[in-house]
Amino acid sequence: MNSLDGIRILDLSRVLAGPWCTQTLADLGADVIKIERPGAGDDTRTWGPPFLKDANGNDTAEAAYYLGTNRNKRSLTCDISKPEGQALIRELVAHCDVFIENFKVGDMARYGLDYPSLKAVNPRLVYCSVTGFGQTGPYSDRAGYDYAVQGIGGLMSVTGERDDLGGGPQKVGVAVADLFTGMYASVGILAALRHVEKTGEGQYVDMALLDTQVAMLANLGANYLVSGKTPGRAGNAHQNIVPYQVFEVMPALHAEPDARDHLILAVGNDGQFAKFCDVAGHPELASDPRFSKNSERVKNRNVLVPMLEEIMLTRTKAQWLHALESAKVPCGAINNLSEVFADPQVAARNMINIWQHPHQKDLRLVASPLKLSLTPVRQDHAPPQLGQHTAQLLNEVLGYSDAQIEQLQSKGVI
């Protein structure tokens, strides 16, 4: 049994934010019906290379991007631009608990699939819209993409190396505004389902990438609102904690001649700083009034950090990691993805799923991080074939006959 057994979701979202939300809910056991455009499907099906290889080593039509964001779902094709497609969606809504879409503001109303229209069909419906800027405000009619939102929402102003060290604004390596919006949307939907459970009344969930990005500024947003001072980029350093950054260390013994190596030192409190100083062979730094308290270390970072940079160059990464971990001083390697997926901790936490896929045996993909003791998450790959479950779902949910399904196919509705 899964946590969300019995919850059915009609998913008209595509690309990342919406599908990330519904993938999370599908992992928890919800029956997610992924509505895709006939003949095309979710845009991410073609966002490659890399594409999944078949048994002969040839590219299939499935991009890795699509596979990583649509597990545990069933695919149903439907052309919502046609009246028959719109009618089909309304029929399905009567049998669903959640409806999610990420079309531009106003598009769903043109199709008769907006919240007021679907609420009339199913008053218990939780309806979630995911857009760049939300349903209200001066930017509501704009298209909003993760990259632009990272810039507009302030994230790029605090990401990247300091200007005085030759830095500039930098986006994050993955689409975090999309991903966090998907996660917040899943929380909002679960809260709304709880309200349905108590009252029988559905509601509208308005999710915006920009709202999420602003919320994600976390301590830096609070720093600005409290102090009035605009934070800048700090590279790999922390705005409020010192030493909490990347340091260069001595290259390994058999490294290439010009090789450089680094590790993360993440000292979070004064006790940890004292332990670090002992490990480093410089206990006097912990008693120095300029460095004994974190607030003083932050004020005097330009004095302390150059001293630490010299100290860190005296040992290799392996030597530092062994000594610091033994002393319970937070630290870490900077792994590439090959090293990540070879890490014994990642393996021990079962963060790689191996599936028997129609195109490839033993397909390895990232697993859900959710671990529940009594209601474990589902484990199934994304539907490989566009519209793979169309006939099955129309028969199962709506009781359509083969003749009715064939009629819709002949009209290009499904």
Protein backbone atom coordinates (compact mmCIF):
# COMPACT_ATOMS: atom_id res chain seq x y z
CA MET A 1 0.00 0.00 0.00
CA ASN A 2 1.19 3.52 -0.85
CA SER A 3 0.41 6.78 0.95
CA LEU A 4 -1.72 8.24 -1.86
CA ASP A 5 -3.49 5.07 -3.00
CA GLY A 6 -6.92 6.04 -4.33
CA ILE A 7 -5.92 9.57 -5.39
CA ARG A 8 -6.19 10.14 -9.14
CA ILE A 9 -4.47 13.10 -10.79
CA LEU A 10 -5.12 14.49 -14.26
CA ASP A 11 -1.81 16.01 -15.31
CA LEU A 12 -1.84 18.51 -18.18
CA SER A 13 1.59 19.89 -17.28
CA ARG A 14 4.78 19.40 -19.23
CA VAL A 15 8.54 20.02 -19.14
CA LEU A 16 9.66 20.29 -15.48
CA ALA A 17 7.87 22.17 -12.69
CA GLY A 18 4.48 20.50 -13.12
CA PRO A 19 5.85 17.04 -13.99
CA TRP A 20 8.22 17.22 -10.99
CA CYS A 21 5.20 17.84 -8.75
CA THR A 22 3.18 14.98 -10.22
CA GLN A 23 6.18 12.63 -10.23
CA THR A 24 6.51 13.21 -6.47
CA LEU A 25 2.81 12.49 -5.97
CA ALA A 26 3.05 9.44 -8.24
CA ASP A 27 5.99 8.15 -6.19
CA LEU A 28 3.69 8.34 -3.17
CA GLY A 29 1.09 6.20 -4.91
CA ALA A 30 -1.21 8.61 -6.73
CA ASP A 31 -2.53 7.42 -10.10
CA VAL A 32 -1.18 10.13 -12.40
CA ILE A 33 -2.74 10.30 -15.86
CA LYS A 34 -0.32 12.26 -18.00
CA ILE A 35 -2.19 14.02 -20.80
CA GLU A 36 0.05 14.44 -23.87
CA ARG A 37 -0.41 15.96 -27.31
CA PRO A 38 -1.09 13.31 -29.96
CA GLY A 39 1.94 12.82 -32.17
CA ALA A 40 4.23 15.00 -30.05
CA GLY A 41 3.84 14.44 -26.34
CA ASP A 42 5.72 16.21 -23.59
CA ASP A 43 8.40 18.51 -25.03
CA THR A 44 11.07 16.74 -22.97
CA ARG A 45 10.60 13.48 -24.88
CA THR A 46 12.79 15.10 -27.56
CA TRP A 47 15.17 17.06 -25.29
CA GLY A 48 18.32 15.13 -26.04
CA PRO A 49 20.87 13.79 -26.52
CA PRO A 50 21.31 11.73 -24.52
CA PHE A 51 18.54 9.39 -25.63
CA LEU A 52 17.88 5.94 -24.29
CA LYS A 53 19.58 3.28 -26.40
CA ASP A 54 17.81 0.16 -27.64
CA ALA A 55 19.24 -3.37 -27.51
CA ASN A 56 21.31 -2.65 -30.64
CA GLY A 57 22.80 0.54 -29.23
CA ASN A 58 20.68 2.86 -31.38
CA ASP A 59 18.96 5.97 -30.06
CA THR A 60 15.28 5.58 -29.23
CA ALA A 61 12.78 8.45 -29.10
CA GLU A 62 13.10 8.72 -25.31
CA ALA A 63 15.31 11.47 -23.94
CA ALA A 64 16.92 10.95 -20.54
CA TYR A 65 15.34 14.27 -19.48
CA TYR A 66 11.83 12.85 -19.99
CA LEU A 67 12.68 9.58 -18.24
CA GLY A 68 13.94 11.43 -15.17
CA THR A 69 10.77 13.47 -14.60
CA ASN A 70 7.85 11.17 -15.41
CA ARG A 71 8.20 7.91 -13.51
CA ASN A 72 5.15 6.09 -12.18
CA LYS A 73 2.73 7.82 -14.61
CA ARG A 74 0.36 6.60 -17.32
CA SER A 75 0.25 8.36 -20.71
CA LEU A 76 -3.02 9.29 -22.40
CA THR A 77 -3.02 11.36 -25.60
CA CYS A 78 -5.70 14.01 -26.03
CA ASP A 79 -5.91 17.08 -28.28
CA ILE A 80 -7.47 19.72 -26.04
CA SER A 81 -7.69 22.20 -28.93
CA LYS A 82 -10.62 20.13 -30.28
CA PRO A 83 -14.08 20.31 -28.68
CA GLU A 84 -14.13 16.52 -28.38
CA GLY A 85 -10.81 16.61 -26.54
CA GLN A 86 -12.09 19.26 -24.15
CA ALA A 87 -15.21 17.18 -23.52
CA LEU A 88 -13.04 14.14 -22.83
CA ILE A 89 -11.00 16.05 -20.25
CA ARG A 90 -14.20 17.19 -18.51
CA GLU A 91 -15.41 13.60 -18.40
CA LEU A 92 -12.13 12.49 -16.82
CA VAL A 93 -12.22 15.35 -14.29
CA ALA A 94 -15.41 13.91 -12.82
CA HIS A 95 -13.35 10.86 -11.82
CA CYS A 96 -10.23 12.69 -10.58
CA ASP A 97 -9.16 14.31 -7.33
CA VAL A 98 -6.52 16.69 -8.70
CA PHE A 99 -6.05 18.64 -11.93
CA ILE A 100 -2.73 20.31 -12.70
CA GLU A 101 -1.69 22.46 -15.67
CA ASN A 102 1.07 24.86 -16.61
CA PHE A 103 -0.40 26.69 -19.59
CA LYS A 104 -0.22 30.47 -19.96
CA VAL A 105 -2.72 32.49 -17.93
CA GLY A 106 -6.08 32.43 -19.73
CA ASP A 107 -5.42 29.42 -21.96
CA MET A 108 -7.47 27.01 -19.88
CA ALA A 109 -10.47 29.36 -19.93
CA ARG A 110 -10.34 29.42 -23.75
CA TYR A 111 -10.66 25.64 -23.69
CA GLY A 112 -13.37 25.62 -21.06
CA LEU A 113 -10.96 23.86 -18.70
CA ASP A 114 -10.41 26.64 -16.17
CA TYR A 115 -11.10 26.16 -12.48
CA PRO A 116 -14.67 27.59 -12.41
CA SER A 117 -15.66 25.36 -15.33
CA LEU A 118 -14.16 22.19 -13.85
CA LYS A 119 -15.35 22.98 -10.32
CA ALA A 120 -18.89 22.81 -11.71
CA VAL A 121 -18.11 19.30 -12.92
CA ASN A 122 -16.38 18.19 -9.69
CA PRO A 123 -16.74 20.42 -6.60
CA ARG A 124 -14.15 18.31 -4.73
CA LEU A 125 -11.48 18.98 -7.36
CA VAL A 126 -8.09 20.39 -6.31
CA TYR A 127 -6.97 22.48 -9.28
CA CYS A 128 -3.32 23.57 -9.47
CA SER A 129 -1.94 26.06 -11.99
CA VAL A 130 1.83 26.45 -12.37
CA THR A 131 3.02 29.58 -14.19
CA GLY A 132 6.08 31.80 -14.24
CA PHE A 133 4.51 34.75 -12.42
CA GLY A 134 1.14 33.62 -11.08
CA GLN A 135 -2.44 34.47 -11.98
CA THR A 136 -2.28 38.07 -10.73
CA GLY A 137 0.09 41.04 -10.93
CA PRO A 138 1.64 43.05 -13.79
CA TYR A 139 3.74 40.11 -15.05
CA SER A 140 0.96 37.52 -15.04
CA ASP A 141 0.65 37.44 -18.83
CA ARG A 142 4.38 36.85 -19.35
CA ALA A 143 5.91 33.48 -20.11
CA GLY A 144 8.21 32.56 -17.23
CA TYR A 145 11.15 30.19 -17.59
CA ASP A 146 13.48 28.96 -14.90
CA TYR A 147 16.57 30.74 -16.25
CA ALA A 148 14.82 34.12 -16.42
CA VAL A 149 13.20 33.63 -13.03
CA GLN A 150 16.57 32.82 -11.42
CA GLY A 151 17.64 36.26 -12.66
CA ILE A 152 14.47 38.22 -11.89
CA GLY A 153 14.08 36.54 -8.50
CA GLY A 154 17.55 37.50 -7.27
CA LEU A 155 19.23 34.09 -7.23
CA MET A 156 21.81 34.95 -9.88
CA SER A 157 22.76 38.12 -8.00
CA VAL A 158 24.02 35.97 -5.12
CA THR A 159 25.35 33.03 -7.18
CA GLY A 160 28.81 33.13 -8.71
CA GLU A 161 32.25 34.39 -7.72
CA ARG A 162 32.72 37.83 -6.21
CA ASP A 163 33.05 40.68 -8.70
CA ASP A 164 36.42 41.70 -7.25
CA LEU A 165 37.72 38.20 -8.04
CA GLY A 166 36.56 38.35 -11.64
CA GLY A 167 33.16 36.81 -11.07
CA GLY A 168 29.73 37.57 -12.46
CA PRO A 169 26.13 36.40 -12.20
CA GLN A 170 25.71 32.65 -12.53
CA LYS A 171 22.68 30.42 -12.81
CA VAL A 172 22.47 27.24 -10.77
CA GLY A 173 23.44 24.05 -12.64
CA VAL A 174 19.93 22.56 -12.49
CA ALA A 175 16.58 24.34 -12.90
CA VAL A 176 15.99 24.99 -9.21
CA ALA A 177 13.12 27.45 -9.65
CA ASP A 178 11.22 24.78 -11.57
CA LEU A 179 12.15 22.02 -9.14
CA PHE A 180 11.29 23.93 -5.98
CA THR A 181 8.02 25.13 -7.51
CA GLY A 182 7.17 21.50 -8.23
CA MET A 183 7.93 20.58 -4.63
CA TYR A 184 5.92 23.49 -3.20
CA ALA A 185 3.06 22.60 -5.55
CA SER A 186 3.02 19.03 -4.24
CA VAL A 187 2.82 20.35 -0.67
CA GLY A 188 0.00 22.73 -1.61
CA ILE A 189 -1.93 19.95 -3.32
CA LEU A 190 -1.55 17.64 -0.33
CA ALA A 191 -2.80 20.40 1.99
CA ALA A 192 -5.77 21.02 -0.31
CA LEU A 193 -6.57 17.29 -0.39
CA ARG A 194 -6.57 17.31 3.41
CA HIS A 195 -9.11 20.15 3.26
CA VAL A 196 -11.25 18.11 0.86
CA GLU A 197 -11.07 15.20 3.29
CA LYS A 198 -12.37 17.40 6.12
CA THR A 199 -14.92 19.53 4.26
CA GLY A 200 -15.69 17.96 0.87
CA GLU A 201 -14.64 21.23 -0.77
CA GLY A 202 -11.92 21.50 -3.43
CA GLN A 203 -9.88 24.63 -4.07
CA TYR A 204 -7.53 26.43 -6.43
CA VAL A 205 -3.73 26.32 -5.96
CA ASP A 206 -1.91 29.19 -7.71
CA MET A 207 1.82 28.41 -7.99
CA ALA A 208 4.35 30.82 -9.50
CA LEU A 209 8.03 30.23 -10.19
CA LEU A 210 8.86 33.81 -9.14
CA ASP A 211 7.05 33.44 -5.80
CA THR A 212 8.98 30.26 -5.13
CA GLN A 213 12.29 31.80 -6.17
CA VAL A 214 11.78 34.75 -3.81
CA ALA A 215 10.89 32.37 -0.97
CA MET A 216 14.02 30.35 -1.75
CA LEU A 217 16.24 33.35 -1.00
CA ALA A 218 15.86 32.15 2.60
CA ASN A 219 18.45 33.68 4.93
CA LEU A 220 19.68 36.11 2.25
CA GLY A 221 16.19 37.47 1.74
CA ALA A 222 15.82 37.87 5.49
CA ASN A 223 19.28 39.48 5.72
CA TYR A 224 18.25 42.14 3.21
CA LEU A 225 14.83 42.85 4.73
CA VAL A 226 16.28 43.13 8.24
CA SER A 227 19.43 45.12 7.38
CA GLY A 228 18.52 46.98 4.21
CA LYS A 229 21.89 45.93 2.77
CA THR A 230 21.88 44.23 -0.62
CA PRO A 231 23.98 41.04 -0.49
CA GLY A 232 26.35 40.33 -3.34
CA ARG A 233 27.92 37.21 -4.73
CA ALA A 234 30.23 35.33 -2.38
CA GLY A 235 31.43 32.53 -4.63
CA ASN A 236 31.74 29.35 -2.62
CA ALA A 237 31.80 31.22 0.69
CA HIS A 238 28.85 31.67 3.07
CA GLN A 239 27.39 35.10 3.73
CA ASN A 240 26.86 34.49 7.46
CA ILE A 241 29.37 31.80 8.51
CA VAL A 242 33.18 31.61 8.39
CA PRO A 243 34.99 29.37 7.47
CA TYR A 244 32.31 27.84 5.30
CA GLN A 245 33.67 27.55 1.77
CA VAL A 246 35.84 25.68 -0.72
CA PHE A 247 39.58 25.55 -0.12
CA GLU A 248 42.34 24.41 -2.43
CA VAL A 249 44.40 21.58 -0.95
CA MET A 250 47.66 19.84 -1.81
CA PRO A 251 47.32 17.67 -4.95
CA ALA A 252 47.39 13.92 -4.46
CA LEU A 253 50.78 12.22 -4.62
CA HIS A 254 50.40 10.83 -8.15
CA ALA A 255 48.35 13.71 -9.60
CA GLU A 256 49.12 15.32 -12.95
CA PRO A 257 51.82 18.04 -12.77
CA ASP A 258 49.40 21.00 -12.93
CA ALA A 259 46.56 19.29 -11.06
CA ARG A 260 44.61 21.16 -8.42
CA ASP A 261 42.37 19.67 -5.78
CA HIS A 262 39.75 21.13 -3.47
CA LEU A 263 37.47 20.30 -0.58
CA ILE A 264 34.62 21.91 1.30
CA LEU A 265 35.16 23.09 4.86
CA ALA A 266 31.80 23.81 6.52
CA VAL A 267 32.44 24.97 10.08
CA GLY A 268 29.03 25.78 11.52
CA ASN A 269 29.79 26.92 15.07
CA ASP A 270 32.55 28.00 17.43
CA GLY A 271 33.08 24.52 18.86
CA GLN A 272 33.65 23.09 15.41
CA PHE A 273 36.09 25.91 14.66
CA ALA A 274 38.12 25.02 17.75
CA LYS A 275 38.20 21.36 16.64
CA PHE A 276 39.31 22.39 13.18
CA CYS A 277 42.12 24.51 14.59
CA ASP A 278 43.33 21.55 16.65
CA VAL A 279 43.29 19.27 13.60
CA ALA A 280 45.10 21.94 11.57
CA GLY A 281 47.81 22.29 14.20
CA HIS A 282 46.94 25.91 14.94
CA PRO A 283 44.95 25.92 18.21
CA GLU A 284 45.94 29.56 18.79
CA LEU A 285 43.50 30.68 16.10
CA ALA A 286 40.54 29.48 18.15
CA SER A 287 41.51 31.68 21.09
CA ASP A 288 42.33 34.74 18.99
CA PRO A 289 39.61 37.33 19.79
CA ARG A 290 39.35 38.15 16.09
CA PHE A 291 38.28 34.59 15.30
CA SER A 292 36.92 32.97 18.49
CA LYS A 293 33.28 33.84 17.71
CA ASN A 294 31.56 33.40 14.37
CA SER A 295 30.40 37.02 14.32
CA GLU A 296 34.05 38.10 14.64
CA ARG A 297 35.16 35.62 11.99
CA VAL A 298 32.61 37.07 9.58
CA LYS A 299 33.88 40.60 10.28
CA ASN A 300 37.48 39.49 9.89
CA ARG A 301 37.11 36.97 7.06
CA ASN A 302 39.58 38.93 4.89
CA VAL A 303 42.22 38.31 7.56
CA LEU A 304 41.35 34.74 8.50
CA VAL A 305 40.66 33.18 5.10
CA PRO A 306 44.12 33.88 3.58
CA MET A 307 45.67 32.27 6.67
CA LEU A 308 43.48 29.20 6.24
CA GLU A 309 44.25 29.02 2.53
CA GLU A 310 47.94 28.56 3.35
CA ILE A 311 47.18 25.96 6.02
CA MET A 312 44.88 23.94 3.75
CA LEU A 313 47.60 23.63 1.10
CA THR A 314 49.78 21.63 3.51
CA ARG A 315 47.81 18.36 3.16
CA THR A 316 46.01 16.38 0.48
CA LYS A 317 42.26 16.06 0.23
CA ALA A 318 42.37 12.49 1.53
CA GLN A 319 44.48 13.52 4.52
CA TRP A 320 42.21 16.43 5.39
CA LEU A 321 39.01 14.42 4.98
CA HIS A 322 40.27 11.62 7.22
CA ALA A 323 41.44 14.00 9.94
CA LEU A 324 38.42 16.31 9.84
CA GLU A 325 35.84 13.53 9.69
CA SER A 326 37.52 11.81 12.65
CA ALA A 327 37.23 15.07 14.61
CA LYS A 328 33.57 15.54 13.58
CA VAL A 329 34.35 18.73 11.66
CA PRO A 330 31.90 19.08 8.72
CA CYS A 331 33.71 18.77 5.40
CA GLY A 332 33.26 17.14 2.06
CA ALA A 333 34.69 16.23 -1.31
CA ILE A 334 33.48 17.90 -4.50
CA ASN A 335 32.33 14.96 -6.58
CA ASN A 336 31.53 14.82 -10.25
CA LEU A 337 28.49 12.74 -11.21
CA SER A 338 30.59 9.66 -11.91
CA GLU A 339 31.86 9.85 -8.35
CA VAL A 340 28.38 10.59 -6.98
CA PHE A 341 26.84 7.45 -8.45
CA ALA A 342 29.83 5.35 -7.37
CA ASP A 343 29.59 6.63 -3.80
CA PRO A 344 28.89 3.84 -1.27
CA GLN A 345 26.51 6.09 0.69
CA VAL A 346 24.44 6.79 -2.43
CA ALA A 347 24.32 3.04 -3.07
CA ALA A 348 23.42 2.25 0.54
CA ARG A 349 20.51 4.70 0.35
CA ASN A 350 19.19 3.02 -2.82
CA MET A 351 19.29 6.22 -4.86
CA ILE A 352 19.59 4.34 -8.15
CA ASN A 353 16.65 2.34 -9.50
CA ILE A 354 17.25 -0.47 -11.97
CA TRP A 355 14.30 -1.15 -14.27
CA GLN A 356 13.59 -3.70 -16.97
CA HIS A 357 12.64 -1.27 -19.71
CA PRO A 358 11.23 -2.40 -23.08
CA HIS A 359 14.14 -0.71 -24.87
CA GLN A 360 16.92 -1.51 -22.44
CA LYS A 361 17.56 -4.11 -19.77
CA ASP A 362 18.82 -2.94 -16.39
CA LEU A 363 18.08 0.74 -17.04
CA ARG A 364 19.60 2.82 -14.24
CA LEU A 365 17.87 6.06 -13.21
CA VAL A 366 17.74 8.22 -10.11
CA ALA A 367 15.27 7.00 -7.47
CA SER A 368 12.90 8.96 -5.27
CA PRO A 369 14.54 10.20 -2.06
CA LEU A 370 11.31 9.62 -0.11
CA LYS A 371 11.61 6.83 2.45
CA LEU A 372 8.50 5.97 4.48
CA SER A 373 8.54 3.06 6.89
CA LEU A 374 4.98 1.81 6.33
CA THR A 375 3.98 3.13 2.90
CA PRO A 376 7.01 2.87 0.62
CA VAL A 377 7.15 4.76 -2.66
CA ARG A 378 6.25 3.20 -5.99
CA GLN A 379 9.01 2.20 -8.38
CA ASP A 380 8.09 2.18 -12.06
CA HIS A 381 9.69 3.85 -15.07
CA ALA A 382 8.11 6.57 -17.19
CA PRO A 383 5.71 5.37 -19.90
CA PRO A 384 7.95 4.75 -22.92
CA GLN A 385 5.28 4.96 -25.58
CA LEU A 386 3.36 8.18 -26.20
CA GLY A 387 -0.29 7.45 -25.37
CA GLN A 388 0.64 3.98 -24.16
CA HIS A 389 -2.28 3.80 -21.72
CA THR A 390 -4.93 5.73 -23.68
CA ALA A 391 -7.25 2.84 -24.49
CA GLN A 392 -6.73 1.22 -21.09
CA LEU A 393 -7.59 4.41 -19.21
CA LEU A 394 -10.64 5.32 -21.31
CA ASN A 395 -12.01 1.85 -20.72
CA GLU A 396 -11.02 1.67 -17.04
CA VAL A 397 -12.06 5.17 -15.94
CA LEU A 398 -14.87 6.06 -18.35
CA GLY A 399 -16.07 2.64 -19.48
CA TYR A 400 -15.51 3.46 -23.18
CA SER A 401 -15.99 0.65 -25.66
CA ASP A 402 -13.47 -0.22 -28.35
CA ALA A 403 -15.78 1.41 -30.92
CA GLN A 404 -15.89 4.68 -28.99
CA ILE A 405 -12.11 4.68 -28.67
CA GLU A 406 -11.66 3.99 -32.37
CA GLN A 407 -14.02 6.85 -33.21
CA LEU A 408 -11.93 9.28 -31.18
CA GLN A 409 -8.77 7.98 -32.83
CA SER A 410 -10.25 8.47 -36.31
CA LYS A 411 -10.96 12.13 -35.49
CA GLY A 412 -7.43 12.69 -34.20
CA VAL A 413 -8.71 13.51 -30.70
CA ILE A 414 -6.52 10.83 -29.10
